Amino acid sequence: MPTPQIEVQVFLYQITPKIWRRFAVPETYTFGQLHDALQSAMGWENKHPHEFRHGKGKRLVDVIGPVGLADQVPVGGEFQDEAQLTLAAYVGRKRLPMRLLYRYDFAEDWIHEVVLEKRSEGEGVPQMLGGARACPPEDFGGAFRYMQALHGEIGWDHPGYDAEAFDPAKVDFTPPKVRKRRV
């Protein structure tokens, strides 16, 4: 039986050529589950704090994140628990597309634009729909340092990294707590 889902596009700010992903998740997903799906889709290792920011216009003062985040970062508006807020409740009757920011690793400050593009029907599990280019290596130093390495101004700290490599078929959306360790 088809399950209502939301198609999501995400791309990294300050990186050219663009690194992007498109995937679909059930609309019953919480923002915590969306965070896990983003981590999987982008190729991050989920080692650092994160938050979703939204608001009216350019004032992105409302935050959705893990409990305790408000004690670590300034929140100028409303704070919502990512474990409780579902995509369906967030979107409600509003029209899509809707944009918000996903900030990962506050030291390196990887900023992603997340677009909740449209509603569709799916299989009740996350599905990878497309994407391009490899995600920057974890703990690389942020977008500026990544772009320096990409343009040959500094050396890569990660031998074997291929900035153009991305295979949508290799994305594993199994939640990190359930995913088996590779031997």
Protein backbone atom coordinates (compact mmCIF):
# COMPACT_ATOMS: atom_id res chain seq x y z
CA MET A 1 0.00 0.00 0.00
CA PRO A 2 1.47 3.39 -0.96
CA THR A 3 2.64 5.59 1.90
CA PRO A 4 2.55 9.42 1.85
CA GLN A 5 6.07 10.76 1.62
CA ILE A 6 7.92 14.00 1.09
CA GLU A 7 10.60 14.42 -1.55
CA VAL A 8 13.61 16.31 -0.23
CA GLN A 9 16.45 18.03 -2.05
CA VAL A 10 19.56 19.10 -0.16
CA PHE A 11 22.73 20.87 -1.25
CA LEU A 12 25.79 22.30 0.45
CA TYR A 13 26.32 26.06 0.51
CA GLN A 14 29.64 27.60 -0.55
CA ILE A 15 30.65 24.61 -2.72
CA THR A 16 30.94 24.68 -6.52
CA PRO A 17 30.30 22.65 -8.50
CA LYS A 18 27.21 21.82 -6.47
CA ILE A 19 27.06 18.78 -4.18
CA TRP A 20 23.41 17.75 -3.96
CA ARG A 21 21.07 14.88 -3.09
CA ARG A 22 17.40 14.17 -3.70
CA PHE A 23 15.56 11.53 -1.68
CA ALA A 24 12.11 10.74 -0.34
CA VAL A 25 11.12 9.89 3.23
CA PRO A 26 7.77 9.04 4.83
CA GLU A 27 5.97 12.18 6.01
CA THR A 28 5.62 10.48 9.42
CA TYR A 29 9.38 10.87 9.88
CA THR A 30 10.50 13.09 12.73
CA PHE A 31 13.17 15.69 12.15
CA GLY A 32 15.50 13.37 14.07
CA GLN A 33 14.87 10.71 11.44
CA LEU A 34 15.27 13.31 8.70
CA HIS A 35 18.66 14.18 10.24
CA ASP A 36 19.66 10.49 10.03
CA ALA A 37 18.49 10.33 6.40
CA LEU A 38 20.45 13.51 5.56
CA GLN A 39 23.57 12.06 7.17
CA SER A 40 23.21 8.88 5.11
CA ALA A 41 22.41 10.68 1.85
CA MET A 42 25.26 13.17 2.15
CA GLY A 43 27.80 10.64 3.40
CA TRP A 44 28.47 12.32 6.74
CA GLU A 45 29.41 10.18 9.76
CA ASN A 46 27.05 11.76 12.33
CA LYS A 47 29.92 12.76 14.62
CA HIS A 48 28.92 16.36 15.31
CA PRO A 49 25.99 18.48 16.56
CA HIS A 50 23.35 19.71 14.14
CA GLU A 51 20.25 21.86 13.90
CA PHE A 52 17.51 22.83 11.46
CA ARG A 53 16.78 26.56 11.20
CA HIS A 54 13.67 28.15 9.76
CA GLY A 55 11.68 31.35 9.99
CA LYS A 56 10.16 34.12 7.94
CA GLY A 57 12.22 35.65 5.18
CA LYS A 58 15.91 35.74 6.00
CA ARG A 59 15.32 35.65 9.75
CA LEU A 60 16.01 31.99 10.54
CA VAL A 61 15.67 32.22 14.32
CA ASP A 62 13.44 29.18 14.95
CA VAL A 63 15.34 25.96 15.63
CA ILE A 64 14.46 22.29 15.42
CA GLY A 65 17.07 20.08 17.05
CA PRO A 66 17.95 17.59 19.74
CA VAL A 67 16.96 18.33 23.33
CA GLY A 68 19.81 20.20 25.04
CA LEU A 69 20.88 22.01 21.87
CA ALA A 70 19.32 25.25 23.09
CA ASP A 71 21.82 25.16 25.98
CA GLN A 72 24.73 25.07 23.49
CA VAL A 73 23.74 27.50 20.73
CA PRO A 74 21.74 30.72 20.81
CA VAL A 75 18.12 30.31 19.76
CA GLY A 76 16.47 33.63 18.99
CA GLY A 77 13.02 32.19 18.39
CA GLU A 78 11.06 29.04 19.07
CA PHE A 79 12.84 25.73 19.81
CA GLN A 80 11.22 22.42 18.85
CA ASP A 81 12.38 18.90 19.75
CA GLU A 82 13.42 17.02 16.61
CA ALA A 83 12.40 13.70 18.19
CA GLN A 84 8.80 14.90 18.51
CA LEU A 85 8.16 17.06 15.43
CA THR A 86 7.17 15.13 12.28
CA LEU A 87 7.47 16.38 8.73
CA ALA A 88 3.69 16.07 8.35
CA ALA A 89 3.11 18.29 11.41
CA TYR A 90 5.72 20.82 10.27
CA VAL A 91 4.32 21.09 6.75
CA GLY A 92 0.68 20.86 7.83
CA ARG A 93 -1.51 22.40 5.15
CA LYS A 94 1.21 24.71 3.84
CA ARG A 95 2.15 24.56 0.21
CA LEU A 96 5.39 22.96 -0.89
CA PRO A 97 8.16 23.66 -1.66
CA MET A 98 9.44 24.83 1.73
CA ARG A 99 13.04 25.70 2.53
CA LEU A 100 15.05 25.45 5.72
CA LEU A 101 18.70 25.28 6.67
CA TYR A 102 20.44 22.26 8.12
CA ARG A 103 23.63 23.12 9.95
CA TYR A 104 26.07 20.32 10.74
CA ASP A 105 29.33 20.45 12.72
CA PHE A 106 29.24 23.87 14.36
CA ALA A 107 33.05 24.17 14.28
CA GLU A 108 33.34 23.62 10.50
CA ASP A 109 29.84 24.98 9.91
CA TRP A 110 28.62 22.89 6.99
CA ILE A 111 25.44 24.67 5.88
CA HIS A 112 22.92 22.77 3.76
CA GLU A 113 19.80 24.12 2.13
CA VAL A 114 16.98 21.61 2.56
CA VAL A 115 13.98 21.91 0.26
CA LEU A 116 10.86 19.94 1.11
CA GLU A 117 9.88 19.77 -2.55
CA LYS A 118 6.63 17.89 -2.90
CA ARG A 119 4.38 15.17 -1.57
CA SER A 120 4.26 11.82 -3.33
CA GLU A 121 3.48 8.16 -2.65
CA GLY A 122 6.19 5.68 -1.70
CA GLU A 123 7.03 2.40 -0.07
CA GLY A 124 7.25 3.60 3.54
CA VAL A 125 11.07 3.65 3.59
CA PRO A 126 13.59 6.27 2.47
CA GLN A 127 14.45 6.17 -1.22
CA MET A 128 17.43 7.77 -2.93
CA LEU A 129 16.27 9.61 -6.06
CA GLY A 130 19.49 11.23 -7.27
CA GLY A 131 22.53 13.30 -6.48
CA ALA A 132 25.91 14.46 -7.66
CA ARG A 133 29.46 14.60 -6.33
CA ALA A 134 30.99 13.20 -3.18
CA CYS A 135 30.39 14.79 0.18
CA PRO A 136 33.49 16.49 1.65
CA PRO A 137 35.43 14.28 4.06
CA GLU A 138 34.38 14.55 7.70
CA ASP A 139 36.56 16.92 9.77
CA PHE A 140 38.17 18.42 6.66
CA GLY A 141 38.01 22.03 7.79
CA GLY A 142 34.84 23.47 6.31
CA ALA A 143 33.78 24.75 2.91
CA PHE A 144 36.66 27.23 2.46
CA ARG A 145 39.35 24.60 3.09
CA TYR A 146 37.50 22.08 0.93
CA MET A 147 37.39 24.55 -1.97
CA GLN A 148 41.12 25.29 -1.50
CA ALA A 149 41.87 21.55 -1.81
CA LEU A 150 39.53 21.20 -4.78
CA HIS A 151 41.41 23.98 -6.62
CA GLY A 152 44.84 22.52 -5.73
CA GLU A 153 45.80 25.34 -3.35
CA ILE A 154 46.36 22.88 -0.50
CA GLY A 155 46.82 19.10 -0.44
CA TRP A 156 44.12 16.56 0.33
CA ASP A 157 44.35 15.07 3.82
CA HIS A 158 42.31 12.08 2.65
CA PRO A 159 44.14 9.85 0.14
CA GLY A 160 41.82 8.20 -2.36
CA TYR A 161 39.07 10.81 -2.03
CA ASP A 162 37.36 11.43 -5.37
CA ALA A 163 35.30 14.65 -5.36
CA GLU A 164 33.26 13.50 -8.37
CA ALA A 165 32.34 10.06 -7.03
CA PHE A 166 28.76 9.50 -5.91
CA ASP A 167 26.73 6.35 -6.41
CA PRO A 168 23.08 6.70 -5.32
CA ALA A 169 22.77 2.89 -5.15
CA LYS A 170 25.36 2.77 -2.35
CA VAL A 171 23.42 5.05 0.03
CA ASP A 172 22.34 3.04 3.08
CA PHE A 173 19.41 4.60 4.93
CA THR A 174 19.50 2.05 7.75
CA PRO A 175 19.44 4.09 10.97
CA PRO A 176 22.93 4.33 12.52
CA LYS A 177 21.84 2.56 15.70
CA VAL A 178 20.63 -0.43 13.67
CA ARG A 179 23.32 -0.51 10.99
CA LYS A 180 25.70 -3.42 11.46
CA ARG A 181 29.39 -2.74 11.82
CA ARG A 182 31.46 -3.52 8.81
CA VAL A 183 34.18 -6.04 9.42
